C-alpha atoms as a PDB file:
ATOM      1  CA  UNK A   1     -50.439  11.235 -36.224  1.00  0.00           C
ATOM      2  CA  UNK A   2     -48.086   8.256 -36.404  1.00  0.00           C
ATOM      3  CA  UNK A   3     -45.295  10.420 -37.786  1.00  0.00           C
ATOM      4  CA  UNK A   4     -45.732  12.926 -34.950  1.00  0.00           C
ATOM      5  CA  UNK A   5     -45.575  10.140 -32.331  1.00  0.00           C
ATOM      6  CA  UNK A   6     -42.487   8.724 -33.991  1.00  0.00           C
ATOM      7  CA  UNK A   7     -40.753  12.088 -33.909  1.00  0.00           C
ATOM      8  CA  UNK A   8     -41.636  12.571 -30.222  1.00  0.00           C
ATOM      9  CA  UNK A   9     -40.361   9.107 -29.279  1.00  0.00           C
ATOM     10  CA  UNK A  10     -37.198   9.528 -31.326  1.00  0.00           C
ATOM     11  CA  UNK A  11     -36.612  12.882 -29.687  1.00  0.00           C
ATOM     12  CA  UNK A  12     -37.037  11.392 -26.217  1.00  0.00           C
ATOM     13  CA  UNK A  13     -34.593   8.566 -27.000  1.00  0.00           C
ATOM     14  CA  UNK A  14     -32.095  11.059 -28.393  1.00  0.00           C
ATOM     15  CA  UNK A  15     -32.432  13.222 -25.280  1.00  0.00           C
ATOM     16  CA  UNK A  16     -31.790  10.235 -23.014  1.00  0.00           C
ATOM     17  CA  UNK A  17     -28.769   9.276 -25.093  1.00  0.00           C
ATOM     18  CA  UNK A  18     -27.351  12.787 -24.908  1.00  0.00           C
ATOM     19  CA  UNK A  19     -27.920  12.855 -21.150  1.00  0.00           C
ATOM     20  CA  UNK A  20     -26.011   9.596 -20.724  1.00  0.00           C
ATOM     21  CA  UNK A  21     -23.257  10.855 -23.031  1.00  0.00           C
ATOM     22  CA  UNK A  22     -22.984  14.148 -21.171  1.00  0.00           C
ATOM     23  CA  UNK A  23     -22.773  12.354 -17.786  1.00  0.00           C
ATOM     24  CA  UNK A  24     -19.969  10.163 -19.099  1.00  0.00           C
ATOM     25  CA  UNK A  25     -18.193  13.119 -20.689  1.00  0.00           C
ATOM     26  CA  UNK A  26     -18.260  14.986 -17.410  1.00  0.00           C
ATOM     27  CA  UNK A  27     -16.412  12.244 -15.497  1.00  0.00           C
ATOM     28  CA  UNK A  28     -12.914  13.405 -14.668  1.00  0.00           C
ATOM     29  CA  UNK A  29     -10.174  11.188 -16.066  1.00  0.00           C
ATOM     30  CA  UNK A  30      -7.685  10.271 -13.340  1.00  0.00           C
ATOM     31  CA  UNK A  31      -4.516   8.217 -13.803  1.00  0.00           C
ATOM     32  CA  UNK A  32      -3.495   6.244 -10.704  1.00  0.00           C
ATOM     33  CA  UNK A  33      -0.039   4.694 -10.294  1.00  0.00           C
ATOM     34  CA  UNK A  34       0.699   1.521  -8.365  1.00  0.00           C
ATOM     35  CA  UNK A  35       3.885  -0.532  -8.076  1.00  0.00           C
ATOM     36  CA  UNK A  36       2.609  -3.869  -9.338  1.00  0.00           C
ATOM     37  CA  UNK A  37       5.173  -5.796  -7.278  1.00  0.00           C
ATOM     38  CA  UNK A  38       3.852  -5.678  -3.715  1.00  0.00           C
ATOM     39  CA  UNK A  39       1.385  -8.514  -3.211  1.00  0.00           C
ATOM     40  CA  UNK A  40      -1.294  -8.570  -1.975  1.00  0.00           C
ATOM     41  CA  UNK A  41      -1.502  -4.770  -2.071  1.00  0.00           C
ATOM     42  CA  UNK A  42      -0.793  -4.670  -5.807  1.00  0.00           C
ATOM     43  CA  UNK A  43       0.813  -7.077  -8.264  1.00  0.00           C
ATOM     44  CA  UNK A  44       0.780  -8.308 -11.860  1.00  0.00           C
ATOM     45  CA  UNK A  45      -1.157 -11.567 -12.214  1.00  0.00           C
ATOM     46  CA  UNK A  46      -0.439 -14.508 -14.527  1.00  0.00           C
ATOM     47  CA  UNK A  47      -2.458 -12.821 -17.266  1.00  0.00           C
ATOM     48  CA  UNK A  48      -0.200  -9.764 -17.087  1.00  0.00           C
ATOM     49  CA  UNK A  49      -2.862  -7.565 -15.479  1.00  0.00           C
ATOM     50  CA  UNK A  50      -2.661  -5.472 -12.329  1.00  0.00           C
ATOM     51  CA  UNK A  51      -4.490  -7.016  -9.391  1.00  0.00           C
ATOM     52  CA  UNK A  52      -4.701  -6.803  -5.602  1.00  0.00           C
ATOM     53  CA  UNK A  53      -6.295  -4.994  -2.694  1.00  0.00           C
ATOM     54  CA  UNK A  54      -5.481  -1.524  -4.011  1.00  0.00           C
ATOM     55  CA  UNK A  55      -6.796  -2.288  -7.492  1.00  0.00           C
ATOM     56  CA  UNK A  56     -10.122  -3.427  -6.029  1.00  0.00           C
ATOM     57  CA  UNK A  57     -10.272  -0.541  -3.583  1.00  0.00           C
ATOM     58  CA  UNK A  58      -9.082   1.968  -6.171  1.00  0.00           C
ATOM     59  CA  UNK A  59     -11.891   0.998  -8.532  1.00  0.00           C
ATOM     60  CA  UNK A  60     -14.381   1.424  -5.686  1.00  0.00           C
ATOM     61  CA  UNK A  61     -12.990   4.831  -4.669  1.00  0.00           C
ATOM     62  CA  UNK A  62     -13.031   6.086  -8.255  1.00  0.00           C
ATOM     63  CA  UNK A  63     -16.624   4.960  -8.664  1.00  0.00           C
ATOM     64  CA  UNK A  64     -17.650   6.860  -5.523  1.00  0.00           C
ATOM     65  CA  UNK A  65     -15.718   9.963  -6.570  1.00  0.00           C
ATOM     66  CA  UNK A  66     -17.213   9.715 -10.092  1.00  0.00           C
ATOM     67  CA  UNK A  67     -13.768   9.482 -11.687  1.00  0.00           C
ATOM     68  CA  UNK A  68     -12.878   7.615 -14.861  1.00  0.00           C
ATOM     69  CA  UNK A  69      -9.678   5.988 -13.577  1.00  0.00           C
ATOM     70  CA  UNK A  70      -6.802   4.305 -15.364  1.00  0.00           C
ATOM     71  CA  UNK A  71      -4.329   2.288 -13.279  1.00  0.00           C
ATOM     72  CA  UNK A  72      -0.702   2.074 -14.382  1.00  0.00           C
ATOM     73  CA  UNK A  73       2.402   0.310 -13.034  1.00  0.00           C
ATOM     74  CA  UNK A  74       5.379   2.383 -11.904  1.00  0.00           C
ATOM     75  CA  UNK A  75       8.657   1.265 -10.295  1.00  0.00           C
ATOM     76  CA  UNK A  76       8.688   2.166  -6.619  1.00  0.00           C
ATOM     77  CA  UNK A  77      11.905   4.194  -6.669  1.00  0.00           C
ATOM     78  CA  UNK A  78      10.401   6.637  -9.175  1.00  0.00           C
ATOM     79  CA  UNK A  79       6.845   6.702  -7.943  1.00  0.00           C
ATOM     80  CA  UNK A  80       6.906  10.084  -6.157  1.00  0.00           C
ATOM     81  CA  UNK A  81       9.119  11.905  -8.708  1.00  0.00           C
ATOM     82  CA  UNK A  82       6.838  10.760 -11.526  1.00  0.00           C
ATOM     83  CA  UNK A  83       3.776  12.037  -9.651  1.00  0.00           C
ATOM     84  CA  UNK A  84       5.434  15.430  -9.324  1.00  0.00           C
ATOM     85  CA  UNK A  85       6.324  15.301 -13.030  1.00  0.00           C
ATOM     86  CA  UNK A  86       2.584  14.855 -13.731  1.00  0.00           C
ATOM     87  CA  UNK A  87       2.917  11.457 -15.397  1.00  0.00           C
ATOM     88  CA  UNK A  88      -0.159  10.487 -13.373  1.00  0.00           C
ATOM     89  CA  UNK A  89      -2.487  12.092 -10.829  1.00  0.00           C
ATOM     90  CA  UNK A  90      -2.403   9.846  -7.758  1.00  0.00           C
ATOM     91  CA  UNK A  91      -0.538   6.986  -6.096  1.00  0.00           C
ATOM     92  CA  UNK A  92      -2.043   3.858  -4.527  1.00  0.00           C
ATOM     93  CA  UNK A  93       0.951   1.644  -3.806  1.00  0.00           C
ATOM     94  CA  UNK A  94       1.014   0.612  -0.156  1.00  0.00           C
ATOM     95  CA  UNK A  95       2.511   4.028   0.584  1.00  0.00           C
ATOM     96  CA  UNK A  96       2.536   5.052   4.244  1.00  0.00           C
ATOM     97  CA  UNK A  97       1.934   8.619   5.366  1.00  0.00           C
ATOM     98  CA  UNK A  98       5.126  10.052   6.893  1.00  0.00           C
ATOM     99  CA  UNK A  99       6.134  13.614   7.845  1.00  0.00           C
ATOM    100  CA  UNK A 100       9.053  13.386   5.388  1.00  0.00           C
ATOM    101  CA  UNK A 101       6.817  12.463   2.454  1.00  0.00           C
ATOM    102  CA  UNK A 102       4.303  15.122   3.472  1.00  0.00           C
ATOM    103  CA  UNK A 103       6.981  17.734   2.812  1.00  0.00           C
ATOM    104  CA  UNK A 104       6.673  16.822  -0.871  1.00  0.00           C
ATOM    105  CA  UNK A 105       3.141  15.522  -1.481  1.00  0.00           C
ATOM    106  CA  UNK A 106      -0.270  15.378   0.181  1.00  0.00           C
ATOM    107  CA  UNK A 107      -2.085  12.296   1.426  1.00  0.00           C
ATOM    108  CA  UNK A 108      -5.738  11.482   1.793  1.00  0.00           C
ATOM    109  CA  UNK A 109      -7.338   9.949   4.855  1.00  0.00           C
ATOM    110  CA  UNK A 110      -5.606   6.595   5.479  1.00  0.00           C
ATOM    111  CA  UNK A 111      -7.377   3.587   3.968  1.00  0.00           C
ATOM    112  CA  UNK A 112      -5.305   0.857   5.655  1.00  0.00           C
ATOM    113  CA  UNK A 113      -2.876   0.343   8.529  1.00  0.00           C
ATOM    114  CA  UNK A 114      -0.802  -2.577   9.752  1.00  0.00           C
ATOM    115  CA  UNK A 115       2.342  -3.734  11.527  1.00  0.00           C
ATOM    116  CA  UNK A 116       5.933  -4.217  10.363  1.00  0.00           C
ATOM    117  CA  UNK A 117       8.601  -6.685  11.403  1.00  0.00           C
ATOM    118  CA  UNK A 118      10.942  -9.453  10.266  1.00  0.00           C
ATOM    119  CA  UNK A 119      10.459 -12.260   7.748  1.00  0.00           C
ATOM    120  CA  UNK A 120      12.834 -15.197   8.284  1.00  0.00           C
ATOM    121  CA  UNK A 121      13.211 -18.883   7.478  1.00  0.00           C
ATOM    122  CA  UNK A 122      11.469 -21.194   9.946  1.00  0.00           C
ATOM    123  CA  UNK A 123      14.776 -22.852  10.855  1.00  0.00           C
ATOM    124  CA  UNK A 124      16.460 -19.509  11.630  1.00  0.00           C
ATOM    125  CA  UNK A 125      17.651 -18.715  15.149  1.00  0.00           C
ATOM    126  CA  UNK A 126      15.824 -15.392  14.732  1.00  0.00           C
ATOM    127  CA  UNK A 127      12.497 -17.162  15.230  1.00  0.00           C
ATOM    128  CA  UNK A 128      13.389 -17.097  18.941  1.00  0.00           C
ATOM    129  CA  UNK A 129      13.295 -13.297  19.089  1.00  0.00           C
ATOM    130  CA  UNK A 130      10.785 -12.024  21.681  1.00  0.00           C
ATOM    131  CA  UNK A 131       7.362 -10.982  20.356  1.00  0.00           C
ATOM    132  CA  UNK A 132       4.854  -8.316  21.317  1.00  0.00           C
ATOM    133  CA  UNK A 133       3.230  -5.308  19.658  1.00  0.00           C
ATOM    134  CA  UNK A 134       4.755  -1.831  19.913  1.00  0.00           C
ATOM    135  CA  UNK A 135       3.661   1.567  18.609  1.00  0.00           C
ATOM    136  CA  UNK A 136       6.339   4.183  17.993  1.00  0.00           C
ATOM    137  CA  UNK A 137       3.573   6.786  18.225  1.00  0.00           C
ATOM    138  CA  UNK A 138       1.572   5.681  21.267  1.00  0.00           C
ATOM    139  CA  UNK A 139       4.391   4.122  23.316  1.00  0.00           C
ATOM    140  CA  UNK A 140       7.758   5.312  21.981  1.00  0.00           C
ATOM    141  CA  UNK A 141       9.596   4.332  25.156  1.00  0.00           C
ATOM    142  CA  UNK A 142       8.257   0.780  25.030  1.00  0.00           C
ATOM    143  CA  UNK A 143       9.069   0.496  21.327  1.00  0.00           C
ATOM    144  CA  UNK A 144      12.604   1.802  21.833  1.00  0.00           C
ATOM    145  CA  UNK A 145      13.200  -0.730  24.610  1.00  0.00           C
ATOM    146  CA  UNK A 146      11.949  -3.577  22.415  1.00  0.00           C
ATOM    147  CA  UNK A 147      14.293  -2.424  19.648  1.00  0.00           C
ATOM    148  CA  UNK A 148      17.235  -2.262  22.072  1.00  0.00           C
ATOM    149  CA  UNK A 149      16.485  -5.835  23.173  1.00  0.00           C
ATOM    150  CA  UNK A 150      16.684  -6.985  19.546  1.00  0.00           C
ATOM    151  CA  UNK A 151      20.103  -5.486  18.814  1.00  0.00           C
ATOM    152  CA  UNK A 152      22.223  -8.253  20.401  1.00  0.00           C
ATOM    153  CA  UNK A 153      20.171 -10.863  18.539  1.00  0.00           C
ATOM    154  CA  UNK A 154      20.663  -9.112  15.193  1.00  0.00           C
ATOM    155  CA  UNK A 155      24.385  -8.431  15.618  1.00  0.00           C
ATOM    156  CA  UNK A 156      26.302  -9.547  12.534  1.00  0.00           C
ATOM    157  CA  UNK A 157      23.109 -10.409  10.606  1.00  0.00           C
ATOM    158  CA  UNK A 158      22.184  -9.254   7.095  1.00  0.00           C
ATOM    159  CA  UNK A 159      18.802  -7.534   6.790  1.00  0.00           C
ATOM    160  CA  UNK A 160      17.149  -7.047   3.398  1.00  0.00           C
ATOM    161  CA  UNK A 161      14.859  -4.051   2.877  1.00  0.00           C
ATOM    162  CA  UNK A 162      13.152  -2.472  -0.120  1.00  0.00           C
ATOM    163  CA  UNK A 163      14.792   0.830  -1.083  1.00  0.00           C
ATOM    164  CA  UNK A 164      13.090   4.189  -0.476  1.00  0.00           C
ATOM    165  CA  UNK A 165      10.663   2.778   2.092  1.00  0.00           C
ATOM    166  CA  UNK A 166       9.767   3.519   5.701  1.00  0.00           C
ATOM    167  CA  UNK A 167      11.111   0.052   6.524  1.00  0.00           C
ATOM    168  CA  UNK A 168      14.527   1.030   5.193  1.00  0.00           C
ATOM    169  CA  UNK A 169      14.598   4.289   7.162  1.00  0.00           C
ATOM    170  CA  UNK A 170      13.590   2.410  10.325  1.00  0.00           C
ATOM    171  CA  UNK A 171      16.143  -0.381   9.827  1.00  0.00           C
ATOM    172  CA  UNK A 172      18.954   2.075   9.153  1.00  0.00           C
ATOM    173  CA  UNK A 173      18.122   4.208  12.171  1.00  0.00           C
ATOM    174  CA  UNK A 174      17.978   1.362  14.669  1.00  0.00           C
ATOM    175  CA  UNK A 175      20.080  -1.538  13.338  1.00  0.00           C
ATOM    176  CA  UNK A 176      22.776  -0.131  11.044  1.00  0.00           C
ATOM    177  CA  UNK A 177      25.257  -0.193  13.921  1.00  0.00           C
ATOM    178  CA  UNK A 178      24.840  -3.939  14.511  1.00  0.00           C
ATOM    179  CA  UNK A 179      23.706  -5.443  11.170  1.00  0.00           C
ATOM    180  CA  UNK A 180      24.377  -5.078   7.458  1.00  0.00           C
ATOM    181  CA  UNK A 181      21.441  -3.402   5.717  1.00  0.00           C
ATOM    182  CA  UNK A 182      21.060  -4.568   2.126  1.00  0.00           C
ATOM    183  CA  UNK A 183      18.737  -2.625  -0.201  1.00  0.00           C
ATOM    184  CA  UNK A 184      16.503  -4.178  -2.859  1.00  0.00           C
ATOM    185  CA  UNK A 185      14.457  -2.726  -5.701  1.00  0.00           C
ATOM    186  CA  UNK A 186      11.383  -4.824  -4.816  1.00  0.00           C
ATOM    187  CA  UNK A 187      10.168  -6.930  -1.897  1.00  0.00           C
ATOM    188  CA  UNK A 188      10.067  -9.941  -4.225  1.00  0.00           C
ATOM    189  CA  UNK A 189      13.841  -9.705  -4.621  1.00  0.00           C
ATOM    190  CA  UNK A 190      14.611  -9.735  -0.899  1.00  0.00           C
ATOM    191  CA  UNK A 191      12.122 -12.576  -0.369  1.00  0.00           C
ATOM    192  CA  UNK A 192      14.120 -14.694  -2.834  1.00  0.00           C
ATOM    193  CA  UNK A 193      17.342 -13.910  -0.963  1.00  0.00           C
ATOM    194  CA  UNK A 194      15.780 -14.904   2.367  1.00  0.00           C
ATOM    195  CA  UNK A 195      14.749 -18.223   0.790  1.00  0.00           C
ATOM    196  CA  UNK A 196      18.227 -18.733  -0.675  1.00  0.00           C
ATOM    197  CA  UNK A 197      19.960 -17.957   2.622  1.00  0.00           C
ATOM    198  CA  UNK A 198      21.779 -14.921   1.215  1.00  0.00           C
ATOM    199  CA  UNK A 199      20.279 -12.706   3.917  1.00  0.00           C
ATOM    200  CA  UNK A 200      19.078 -13.527   7.432  1.00  0.00           C
ATOM    201  CA  UNK A 201      15.811 -11.579   7.419  1.00  0.00           C
ATOM    202  CA  UNK A 202      13.709  -9.124   5.464  1.00  0.00           C
ATOM    203  CA  UNK A 203      12.276  -6.058   7.170  1.00  0.00           C
ATOM    204  CA  UNK A 204       8.768  -5.834   5.754  1.00  0.00           C
ATOM    205  CA  UNK A 205       5.109  -5.087   6.430  1.00  0.00           C
ATOM    206  CA  UNK A 206       3.385  -8.088   7.999  1.00  0.00           C
ATOM    207  CA  UNK A 207       0.718  -7.921   5.275  1.00  0.00           C
ATOM    208  CA  UNK A 208       3.339  -8.462   2.557  1.00  0.00           C
ATOM    209  CA  UNK A 209       5.129 -11.113   4.642  1.00  0.00           C
ATOM    210  CA  UNK A 210       1.927 -13.136   5.011  1.00  0.00           C
ATOM    211  CA  UNK A 211       1.387 -13.010   1.257  1.00  0.00           C
ATOM    212  CA  UNK A 212       4.933 -14.274   0.681  1.00  0.00           C
ATOM    213  CA  UNK A 213       4.391 -17.129   3.126  1.00  0.00           C
ATOM    214  CA  UNK A 214       1.511 -18.382   0.975  1.00  0.00           C
ATOM    215  CA  UNK A 215       3.752 -18.752  -2.082  1.00  0.00           C
ATOM    216  CA  UNK A 216       6.191 -21.496  -3.066  1.00  0.00           C
ATOM    217  CA  UNK A 217       9.053 -19.103  -2.275  1.00  0.00           C
ATOM    218  CA  UNK A 218       7.827 -18.404   1.240  1.00  0.00           C
ATOM    219  CA  UNK A 219       6.328 -21.720   2.336  1.00  0.00           C
ATOM    220  CA  UNK A 220       9.206 -22.306   4.797  1.00  0.00           C
ATOM    221  CA  UNK A 221       9.258 -18.739   6.127  1.00  0.00           C
ATOM    222  CA  UNK A 222       7.819 -17.183   9.283  1.00  0.00           C
ATOM    223  CA  UNK A 223       7.230 -13.766  10.811  1.00  0.00           C
ATOM    224  CA  UNK A 224       9.569 -13.366  13.768  1.00  0.00           C
ATOM    225  CA  UNK A 225      10.036 -10.911  16.606  1.00  0.00           C
ATOM    226  CA  UNK A 226       7.892  -7.969  17.683  1.00  0.00           C
ATOM    227  CA  UNK A 227       5.361  -6.140  15.524  1.00  0.00           C
ATOM    228  CA  UNK A 228       6.078  -2.417  15.176  1.00  0.00           C
ATOM    229  CA  UNK A 229       3.847   0.390  13.886  1.00  0.00           C
ATOM    230  CA  UNK A 230       3.488   4.168  13.901  1.00  0.00           C
ATOM    231  CA  UNK A 231       6.149   6.833  14.116  1.00  0.00           C
ATOM    232  CA  UNK A 232       8.617   6.737  11.255  1.00  0.00           C
ATOM    233  CA  UNK A 233       6.994   3.517  10.000  1.00  0.00           C
ATOM    234  CA  UNK A 234       4.030   5.640   8.984  1.00  0.00           C
ATOM    235  CA  UNK A 235       0.582   6.775  10.029  1.00  0.00           C
ATOM    236  CA  UNK A 236      -1.349   4.504   7.699  1.00  0.00           C
ATOM    237  CA  UNK A 237      -1.486   3.835   3.965  1.00  0.00           C
ATOM    238  CA  UNK A 238      -3.214   6.473   1.846  1.00  0.00           C
ATOM    239  CA  UNK A 239      -3.617   7.918  -1.636  1.00  0.00           C
ATOM    240  CA  UNK A 240      -0.699  10.193  -2.535  1.00  0.00           C
ATOM    241  CA  UNK A 241      -1.606  13.389  -4.413  1.00  0.00           C
ATOM    242  CA  UNK A 242       0.241  16.533  -5.528  1.00  0.00           C
ATOM    243  CA  UNK A 243      -0.088  19.409  -3.069  1.00  0.00           C
ATOM    244  CA  UNK A 244      -1.871  21.667  -5.538  1.00  0.00           C
ATOM    245  CA  UNK A 245      -4.610  19.135  -6.349  1.00  0.00           C
ATOM    246  CA  UNK A 246      -6.869  19.983  -3.418  1.00  0.00           C
ATOM    247  CA  UNK A 247     -10.099  19.096  -5.255  1.00  0.00           C
ATOM    248  CA  UNK A 248      -8.750  15.637  -6.098  1.00  0.00           C
ATOM    249  CA  UNK A 249      -7.719  15.103  -2.480  1.00  0.00           C
ATOM    250  CA  UNK A 250     -11.146  16.187  -1.208  1.00  0.00           C
ATOM    251  CA  UNK A 251     -12.947  13.793  -3.556  1.00  0.00           C
ATOM    252  CA  UNK A 252     -10.724  10.847  -2.589  1.00  0.00           C
ATOM    253  CA  UNK A 253     -11.048  11.776   1.104  1.00  0.00           C
ATOM    254  CA  UNK A 254     -14.837  11.552   0.901  1.00  0.00           C
ATOM    255  CA  UNK A 255     -14.613   8.258  -0.987  1.00  0.00           C
ATOM    256  CA  UNK A 256     -12.225   6.710   1.557  1.00  0.00           C
ATOM    257  CA  UNK A 257     -14.332   7.831   4.501  1.00  0.00           C
ATOM    258  CA  UNK A 258     -17.493   6.370   2.984  1.00  0.00           C
ATOM    259  CA  UNK A 259     -15.685   3.083   2.175  1.00  0.00           C
ATOM    260  CA  UNK A 260     -14.573   2.871   5.806  1.00  0.00           C
ATOM    261  CA  UNK A 261     -18.031   3.762   7.129  1.00  0.00           C
ATOM    262  CA  UNK A 262     -19.935   1.157   5.118  1.00  0.00           C
ATOM    263  CA  UNK A 263     -17.444  -1.651   5.722  1.00  0.00           C
ATOM    264  CA  UNK A 264     -16.101  -1.858   2.156  1.00  0.00           C
ATOM    265  CA  UNK A 265     -12.481  -1.531   3.283  1.00  0.00           C
ATOM    266  CA  UNK A 266     -13.016  -4.162   5.962  1.00  0.00           C
ATOM    267  CA  UNK A 267     -14.494  -6.541   3.380  1.00  0.00           C
ATOM    268  CA  UNK A 268     -11.752  -5.991   0.803  1.00  0.00           C
ATOM    269  CA  UNK A 269      -8.905  -6.177   3.322  1.00  0.00           C
ATOM    270  CA  UNK A 270     -10.262  -9.427   4.754  1.00  0.00           C
ATOM    271  CA  UNK A 271     -10.442 -10.771   1.196  1.00  0.00           C
ATOM    272  CA  UNK A 272      -6.814  -9.924   0.408  1.00  0.00           C
ATOM    273  CA  UNK A 273      -5.065  -9.942   3.814  1.00  0.00           C
ATOM    274  CA  UNK A 274      -7.306 -12.316   5.794  1.00  0.00           C
ATOM    275  CA  UNK A 275      -7.442  -9.602   8.503  1.00  0.00           C
ATOM    276  CA  UNK A 276      -9.208  -6.249   8.857  1.00  0.00           C
ATOM    277  CA  UNK A 277      -6.743  -3.524   7.828  1.00  0.00           C
ATOM    278  CA  UNK A 278      -9.199  -0.675   8.441  1.00  0.00           C
ATOM    279  CA  UNK A 279      -7.322   2.179  10.217  1.00  0.00           C
ATOM    280  CA  UNK A 280      -8.265   2.483  13.873  1.00  0.00           C
ATOM    281  CA  UNK A 281      -9.053   5.987  15.156  1.00  0.00           C
END
């Protein structure tokens, strides 16, 4: 009688163990690339580990999608080519949705959106540039006028911008005729040159600028001029995925939508950016 009970119990425990093992085995392994040099979106902390808004959010999205995710660092200038070469499955690296990028890869529903502008030293004459908020999508005429008003103020200046970004494309389109556009591999590099006086301003997302201003490098810096969004600056930040991976896109789409709906993205963005970066419909 005791032996029979022992066998039954052992069998039940074994069945539970196999069920747990099977559930784990069925989780799809997904490798996600991030830059690791774009605080507070993503960066390498003092312990040498990846950290930031997108690492927190990425873990949450993978949990909801039932993915077993590994996050890896990848230099920005090779981030899309390496996705296409199948070195990883997805990108979460502060990457804005643009029509140009959509020719090559797919994007999920946007998980964050914010403004772009100029980061300068507090004692710079550029702090006197007029302010305001302008959308290249909703009010292109108003945005174009604001840009035209900036041109005389930026004449002869040196603007630093990270290479292969929407900020670079925007700066080159509108200010190349009046200012020198200097490209950098990372935002950290152009921040150092702003601090050292080697360039007059960095063209950057306000979210990244605010993070810089909280560091020793950026303590004497300020955001100056108007805030621009939309159009060629992007339609929000999203997960980048190869065009053929429709099932992966669908799973991440559902995860992003649920994280927006239950306030998770609001909570995480307020933690990292001190403002709600949830995309507005």
